[in-house]
């Protein structure tokens, strides 16, 4: 758990959806350097059922070059 930061900045938190259900939001950031390339950041966001963490609804990953953040 991260202390001293707002809840929306916590990499693993629970949020209430528009349907009033609880969802677990996990965010992962990984630095990778492809062969012959420059370092990139891979950001993955996973949305799970807060009651049954084994149930994943969404897993989305995006790659960011240093020129974009």
PDB file of N, CA and C in Angstrom:
ATOM      1  N   UNK A   1       0.848  -1.184   0.000  1.00  0.00           N
ATOM      2  CA  UNK A   1       0.000   0.000   0.000  1.00  0.00           C
ATOM      3  C   UNK A   1       0.884   1.234   0.000  1.00  0.00           C
ATOM      4  N   UNK A   2       0.547   2.198  -0.812  1.00  0.00           N
ATOM      5  CA  UNK A   2       1.310   3.444  -0.887  1.00  0.00           C
ATOM      6  C   UNK A   2       0.701   4.459   0.062  1.00  0.00           C
ATOM      7  N   UNK A   3       1.503   5.006   0.945  1.00  0.00           N
ATOM      8  CA  UNK A   3       0.978   6.018   1.858  1.00  0.00           C
ATOM      9  C   UNK A   3       1.398   7.393   1.375  1.00  0.00           C
ATOM     10  N   UNK A   4       0.605   8.384   1.684  1.00  0.00           N
ATOM     11  CA  UNK A   4       0.929   9.743   1.320  1.00  0.00           C
ATOM     12  C   UNK A   4       0.585  10.124  -0.112  1.00  0.00           C
ATOM     13  N   UNK A   5      -0.108   9.263  -0.835  1.00  0.00           N
ATOM     14  CA  UNK A   5      -0.527   9.584  -2.204  1.00  0.00           C
ATOM     15  C   UNK A   5      -2.039   9.449  -2.298  1.00  0.00           C
ATOM     16  N   UNK A   6      -2.673  10.203  -3.221  1.00  0.00           N
ATOM     17  CA  UNK A   6      -4.118  10.061  -3.384  1.00  0.00           C
ATOM     18  C   UNK A   6      -4.471   8.650  -3.857  1.00  0.00           C
ATOM     19  N   UNK A   7      -5.674   8.190  -3.556  1.00  0.00           N
ATOM     20  CA  UNK A   7      -6.107   6.843  -3.908  1.00  0.00           C
ATOM     21  C   UNK A   7      -5.957   6.565  -5.398  1.00  0.00           C
ATOM     22  N   UNK A   8      -6.236   7.544  -6.263  1.00  0.00           N
ATOM     23  CA  UNK A   8      -6.135   7.315  -7.701  1.00  0.00           C
ATOM     24  C   UNK A   8      -4.695   7.103  -8.167  1.00  0.00           C
ATOM     25  N   UNK A   9      -3.715   7.402  -7.321  1.00  0.00           N
ATOM     26  CA  UNK A   9      -2.302   7.171  -7.659  1.00  0.00           C
ATOM     27  C   UNK A   9      -1.793   5.842  -7.107  1.00  0.00           C
ATOM     28  N   UNK A  10      -2.609   5.148  -6.336  1.00  0.00           N
ATOM     29  CA  UNK A  10      -2.222   3.863  -5.772  1.00  0.00           C
ATOM     30  C   UNK A  10      -2.212   2.820  -6.888  1.00  0.00           C
ATOM     31  N   UNK A  11      -1.123   2.065  -7.057  1.00  0.00           N
ATOM     32  CA  UNK A  11      -1.047   1.109  -8.161  1.00  0.00           C
ATOM     33  C   UNK A  11      -1.973  -0.099  -8.013  1.00  0.00           C
ATOM     34  N   UNK A  12      -2.529  -0.300  -6.831  1.00  0.00           N
ATOM     35  CA  UNK A  12      -3.467  -1.396  -6.613  1.00  0.00           C
ATOM     36  C   UNK A  12      -4.564  -0.888  -5.688  1.00  0.00           C
ATOM     37  N   UNK A  13      -5.736  -0.676  -6.262  1.00  0.00           N
ATOM     38  CA  UNK A  13      -6.818  -0.085  -5.466  1.00  0.00           C
ATOM     39  C   UNK A  13      -8.162  -0.665  -5.863  1.00  0.00           C
ATOM     40  N   UNK A  14      -9.157  -0.366  -5.066  1.00  0.00           N
ATOM     41  CA  UNK A  14     -10.530  -0.781  -5.342  1.00  0.00           C
ATOM     42  C   UNK A  14     -11.337   0.461  -5.680  1.00  0.00           C
ATOM     43  N   UNK A  15     -12.184   0.348  -6.707  1.00  0.00           N
ATOM     44  CA  UNK A  15     -13.022   1.463  -7.123  1.00  0.00           C
ATOM     45  C   UNK A  15     -14.434   0.953  -7.370  1.00  0.00           C
ATOM     46  N   UNK A  16     -15.403   1.856  -7.232  1.00  0.00           N
ATOM     47  CA  UNK A  16     -16.795   1.529  -7.499  1.00  0.00           C
ATOM     48  C   UNK A  16     -17.127   1.924  -8.928  1.00  0.00           C
ATOM     49  N   UNK A  17     -17.672   0.972  -9.690  1.00  0.00           N
ATOM     50  CA  UNK A  17     -18.034   1.221 -11.079  1.00  0.00           C
ATOM     51  C   UNK A  17     -19.385   1.914 -11.183  1.00  0.00           C
ATOM     52  N   UNK A  18     -19.759   2.302 -12.392  1.00  0.00           N
ATOM     53  CA  UNK A  18     -21.050   2.947 -12.650  1.00  0.00           C
ATOM     54  C   UNK A  18     -22.205   2.028 -12.285  1.00  0.00           C
ATOM     55  N   UNK A  19     -21.933   0.711 -12.284  1.00  0.00           N
ATOM     56  CA  UNK A  19     -22.958  -0.266 -11.922  1.00  0.00           C
ATOM     57  C   UNK A  19     -23.010  -0.522 -10.415  1.00  0.00           C
ATOM     58  N   UNK A  20     -22.271   0.295  -9.644  1.00  0.00           N
ATOM     59  CA  UNK A  20     -22.219   0.228  -8.167  1.00  0.00           C
ATOM     60  C   UNK A  20     -21.496  -1.013  -7.641  1.00  0.00           C
ATOM     61  N   UNK A  21     -20.812  -1.757  -8.523  1.00  0.00           N
ATOM     62  CA  UNK A  21     -20.036  -2.920  -8.094  1.00  0.00           C
ATOM     63  C   UNK A  21     -18.595  -2.498  -7.823  1.00  0.00           C
ATOM     64  N   UNK A  22     -17.896  -3.274  -6.991  1.00  0.00           N
ATOM     65  CA  UNK A  22     -16.514  -2.998  -6.646  1.00  0.00           C
ATOM     66  C   UNK A  22     -15.570  -3.713  -7.620  1.00  0.00           C
ATOM     67  N   UNK A  23     -14.564  -2.981  -8.078  1.00  0.00           N
ATOM     68  CA  UNK A  23     -13.571  -3.531  -8.993  1.00  0.00           C
ATOM     69  C   UNK A  23     -12.176  -3.252  -8.454  1.00  0.00           C
ATOM     70  N   UNK A  24     -11.265  -4.191  -8.673  1.00  0.00           N
ATOM     71  CA  UNK A  24      -9.863  -4.017  -8.290  1.00  0.00           C
ATOM     72  C   UNK A  24      -9.111  -3.546  -9.521  1.00  0.00           C
ATOM     73  N   UNK A  25      -8.360  -2.460  -9.396  1.00  0.00           N
ATOM     74  CA  UNK A  25      -7.567  -1.907 -10.491  1.00  0.00           C
ATOM     75  C   UNK A  25      -6.095  -2.066 -10.125  1.00  0.00           C
ATOM     76  N   UNK A  26      -5.361  -2.821 -10.933  1.00  0.00           N
ATOM     77  CA  UNK A  26      -3.930  -3.015 -10.723  1.00  0.00           C
ATOM     78  C   UNK A  26      -3.183  -2.432 -11.908  1.00  0.00           C
ATOM     79  N   UNK A  27      -2.136  -1.653 -11.636  1.00  0.00           N
ATOM     80  CA  UNK A  27      -1.328  -1.030 -12.676  1.00  0.00           C
ATOM     81  C   UNK A  27       0.112  -1.488 -12.522  1.00  0.00           C
ATOM     82  N   UNK A  28       0.700  -1.934 -13.631  1.00  0.00           N
ATOM     83  CA  UNK A  28       2.077  -2.406 -13.639  1.00  0.00           C
ATOM     84  C   UNK A  28       2.862  -1.598 -14.664  1.00  0.00           C
ATOM     85  N   UNK A  29       4.078  -1.169 -14.300  1.00  0.00           N
ATOM     86  CA  UNK A  29       4.959  -0.451 -15.222  1.00  0.00           C
ATOM     87  C   UNK A  29       6.275  -1.201 -15.269  1.00  0.00           C
ATOM     88  N   UNK A  30       6.687  -1.545 -16.490  1.00  0.00           N
ATOM     89  CA  UNK A  30       7.894  -2.322 -16.697  1.00  0.00           C
ATOM     90  C   UNK A  30       8.747  -1.634 -17.754  1.00  0.00           C
ATOM     91  N   UNK A  31      10.038  -1.469 -17.469  1.00  0.00           N
ATOM     92  CA  UNK A  31      10.955  -0.908 -18.457  1.00  0.00           C
ATOM     93  C   UNK A  31      11.547  -2.058 -19.263  1.00  0.00           C
ATOM     94  N   UNK A  32      11.554  -1.908 -20.585  1.00  0.00           N
ATOM     95  CA  UNK A  32      12.129  -2.919 -21.464  1.00  0.00           C
ATOM     96  C   UNK A  32      12.993  -2.235 -22.512  1.00  0.00           C
ATOM     97  N   UNK A  33      14.025  -2.932 -22.944  1.00  0.00           N
ATOM     98  CA  UNK A  33      14.859  -2.442 -24.036  1.00  0.00           C
ATOM     99  C   UNK A  33      14.882  -3.509 -25.117  1.00  0.00           C
ATOM    100  N   UNK A  34      14.202  -3.258 -26.234  1.00  0.00           N
ATOM    101  CA  UNK A  34      14.215  -4.226 -27.328  1.00  0.00           C
ATOM    102  C   UNK A  34      15.628  -4.358 -27.906  1.00  0.00           C
ATOM    103  N   UNK A  35      15.938  -5.498 -28.476  1.00  0.00           N
ATOM    104  CA  UNK A  35      17.241  -5.714 -29.096  1.00  0.00           C
ATOM    105  C   UNK A  35      17.488  -4.653 -30.159  1.00  0.00           C
ATOM    106  N   UNK A  36      18.581  -3.935 -30.013  1.00  0.00           N
ATOM    107  CA  UNK A  36      18.936  -2.898 -30.984  1.00  0.00           C
ATOM    108  C   UNK A  36      18.114  -1.633 -30.869  1.00  0.00           C
ATOM    109  N   UNK A  37      17.291  -1.517 -29.834  1.00  0.00           N
ATOM    110  CA  UNK A  37      16.439  -0.336 -29.693  1.00  0.00           C
ATOM    111  C   UNK A  37      16.730   0.420 -28.426  1.00  0.00           C
ATOM    112  N   UNK A  38      15.922   1.423 -28.143  1.00  0.00           N
ATOM    113  CA  UNK A  38      16.085   2.175 -26.902  1.00  0.00           C
ATOM    114  C   UNK A  38      14.986   1.772 -25.922  1.00  0.00           C
ATOM    115  N   UNK A  39      15.200   2.115 -24.678  1.00  0.00           N
ATOM    116  CA  UNK A  39      14.292   1.691 -23.610  1.00  0.00           C
ATOM    117  C   UNK A  39      12.876   2.229 -23.834  1.00  0.00           C
ATOM    118  N   UNK A  40      11.898   1.407 -23.511  1.00  0.00           N
ATOM    119  CA  UNK A  40      10.489   1.796 -23.543  1.00  0.00           C
ATOM    120  C   UNK A  40       9.855   1.392 -22.213  1.00  0.00           C
ATOM    121  N   UNK A  41       8.718   1.984 -21.906  1.00  0.00           N
ATOM    122  CA  UNK A  41       7.937   1.606 -20.737  1.00  0.00           C
ATOM    123  C   UNK A  41       6.694   0.867 -21.208  1.00  0.00           C
ATOM    124  N   UNK A  42       6.413  -0.264 -20.585  1.00  0.00           N
ATOM    125  CA  UNK A  42       5.197  -1.011 -20.869  1.00  0.00           C
ATOM    126  C   UNK A  42       4.285  -0.845 -19.661  1.00  0.00           C
ATOM    127  N   UNK A  43       3.129  -0.223 -19.881  1.00  0.00           N
ATOM    128  CA  UNK A  43       2.165   0.007 -18.808  1.00  0.00           C
ATOM    129  C   UNK A  43       0.995  -0.943 -19.030  1.00  0.00           C
ATOM    130  N   UNK A  44       0.704  -1.762 -18.015  1.00  0.00           N
ATOM    131  CA  UNK A  44      -0.400  -2.714 -18.085  1.00  0.00           C
ATOM    132  C   UNK A  44      -1.403  -2.385 -16.982  1.00  0.00           C
ATOM    133  N   UNK A  45      -2.673  -2.303 -17.350  1.00  0.00           N
ATOM    134  CA  UNK A  45      -3.755  -2.078 -16.393  1.00  0.00           C
ATOM    135  C   UNK A  45      -4.652  -3.307 -16.426  1.00  0.00           C
ATOM    136  N   UNK A  46      -4.940  -3.836 -15.232  1.00  0.00           N
ATOM    137  CA  UNK A  46      -5.783  -5.020 -15.108  1.00  0.00           C
ATOM    138  C   UNK A  46      -6.972  -4.671 -14.221  1.00  0.00           C
ATOM    139  N   UNK A  47      -8.176  -4.964 -14.714  1.00  0.00           N
ATOM    140  CA  UNK A  47      -9.402  -4.745 -13.944  1.00  0.00           C
ATOM    141  C   UNK A  47      -9.949  -6.110 -13.554  1.00  0.00           C
ATOM    142  N   UNK A  48     -10.159  -6.287 -12.234  1.00  0.00           N
ATOM    143  CA  UNK A  48     -10.648  -7.568 -11.714  1.00  0.00           C
ATOM    144  C   UNK A  48     -11.884  -7.356 -10.850  1.00  0.00           C
ATOM    145  N   UNK A  49     -12.607  -8.429 -10.639  1.00  0.00           N
ATOM    146  CA  UNK A  49     -13.710  -8.442  -9.691  1.00  0.00           C
ATOM    147  C   UNK A  49     -13.092  -8.302  -8.295  1.00  0.00           C
ATOM    148  N   UNK A  50     -13.532  -7.348  -7.511  1.00  0.00           N
ATOM    149  CA  UNK A  50     -12.943  -7.105  -6.193  1.00  0.00           C
ATOM    150  C   UNK A  50     -13.193  -8.261  -5.227  1.00  0.00           C
ATOM    151  N   UNK A  51     -14.255  -9.017  -5.437  1.00  0.00           N
ATOM    152  CA  UNK A  51     -14.582 -10.132  -4.549  1.00  0.00           C
ATOM    153  C   UNK A  51     -13.897 -11.425  -4.970  1.00  0.00           C
ATOM    154  N   UNK A  52     -13.654 -11.588  -6.264  1.00  0.00           N
ATOM    155  CA  UNK A  52     -13.039 -12.795  -6.807  1.00  0.00           C
ATOM    156  C   UNK A  52     -11.882 -12.349  -7.697  1.00  0.00           C
ATOM    157  N   UNK A  53     -10.699 -12.140  -7.114  1.00  0.00           N
ATOM    158  CA  UNK A  53      -9.576 -11.577  -7.856  1.00  0.00           C
ATOM    159  C   UNK A  53      -9.129 -12.439  -9.026  1.00  0.00           C
ATOM    160  N   UNK A  54      -9.479 -13.721  -9.003  1.00  0.00           N
ATOM    161  CA  UNK A  54      -9.117 -14.603 -10.119  1.00  0.00           C
ATOM    162  C   UNK A  54      -9.927 -14.268 -11.367  1.00  0.00           C
ATOM    163  N   UNK A  55     -11.017 -13.527 -11.224  1.00  0.00           N
ATOM    164  CA  UNK A  55     -11.863 -13.156 -12.366  1.00  0.00           C
ATOM    165  C   UNK A  55     -11.368 -11.826 -12.945  1.00  0.00           C
ATOM    166  N   UNK A  56     -10.697 -11.899 -14.092  1.00  0.00           N
ATOM    167  CA  UNK A  56     -10.181 -10.712 -14.766  1.00  0.00           C
ATOM    168  C   UNK A  56     -11.149 -10.295 -15.861  1.00  0.00           C
ATOM    169  N   UNK A  57     -11.519  -9.023 -15.868  1.00  0.00           N
ATOM    170  CA  UNK A  57     -12.421  -8.499 -16.888  1.00  0.00           C
ATOM    171  C   UNK A  57     -11.655  -7.866 -18.050  1.00  0.00           C
ATOM    172  N   UNK A  58     -10.606  -7.119 -17.732  1.00  0.00           N
ATOM    173  CA  UNK A  58      -9.841  -6.417 -18.762  1.00  0.00           C
ATOM    174  C   UNK A  58      -8.363  -6.461 -18.405  1.00  0.00           C
ATOM    175  N   UNK A  59      -7.522  -6.673 -19.414  1.00  0.00           N
ATOM    176  CA  UNK A  59      -6.071  -6.552 -19.282  1.00  0.00           C
ATOM    177  C   UNK A  59      -5.598  -5.821 -20.530  1.00  0.00           C
ATOM    178  N   UNK A  60      -5.090  -4.608 -20.352  1.00  0.00           N
ATOM    179  CA  UNK A  60      -4.677  -3.791 -21.486  1.00  0.00           C
ATOM    180  C   UNK A  60      -3.252  -3.288 -21.251  1.00  0.00           C
ATOM    181  N   UNK A  61      -2.399  -3.439 -22.250  1.00  0.00           N
ATOM    182  CA  UNK A  61      -1.019  -2.981 -22.147  1.00  0.00           C
ATOM    183  C   UNK A  61      -0.731  -2.000 -23.285  1.00  0.00           C
ATOM    184  N   UNK A  62       0.057  -0.978 -22.968  1.00  0.00           N
ATOM    185  CA  UNK A  62       0.505   0.003 -23.965  1.00  0.00           C
ATOM    186  C   UNK A  62       1.987   0.241 -23.771  1.00  0.00           C
ATOM    187  N   UNK A  63       2.678   0.501 -24.872  1.00  0.00           N
ATOM    188  CA  UNK A  63       4.107   0.776 -24.836  1.00  0.00           C
ATOM    189  C   UNK A  63       4.348   2.251 -25.087  1.00  0.00           C
ATOM    190  N   UNK A  64       5.238   2.829 -24.288  1.00  0.00           N
ATOM    191  CA  UNK A  64       5.553   4.260 -24.401  1.00  0.00           C
ATOM    192  C   UNK A  64       7.038   4.443 -24.647  1.00  0.00           C
ATOM    193  N   UNK A  65       7.377   5.137 -25.707  1.00  0.00           N
ATOM    194  CA  UNK A  65       8.743   5.485 -26.013  1.00  0.00           C
ATOM    195  C   UNK A  65       9.130   6.692 -25.155  1.00  0.00           C
ATOM    196  N   UNK A  66      10.427   6.904 -24.941  1.00  0.00           N
ATOM    197  CA  UNK A  66      10.853   8.018 -24.107  1.00  0.00           C
ATOM    198  C   UNK A  66      10.420   9.367 -24.662  1.00  0.00           C
ATOM    199  N   UNK A  67      10.134   9.444 -25.938  1.00  0.00           N
ATOM    200  CA  UNK A  67       9.682  10.717 -26.521  1.00  0.00           C
ATOM    201  C   UNK A  67       8.234  11.037 -26.158  1.00  0.00           C
ATOM    202  N   UNK A  68       7.476  10.004 -25.702  1.00  0.00           N
ATOM    203  CA  UNK A  68       6.069  10.230 -25.354  1.00  0.00           C
ATOM    204  C   UNK A  68       5.809  10.125 -23.859  1.00  0.00           C
ATOM    205  N   UNK A  69       6.797   9.810 -23.075  1.00  0.00           N
ATOM    206  CA  UNK A  69       6.589   9.765 -21.635  1.00  0.00           C
ATOM    207  C   UNK A  69       6.970   8.481 -21.074  1.00  0.00           C
TER     208      UNK A  69
END
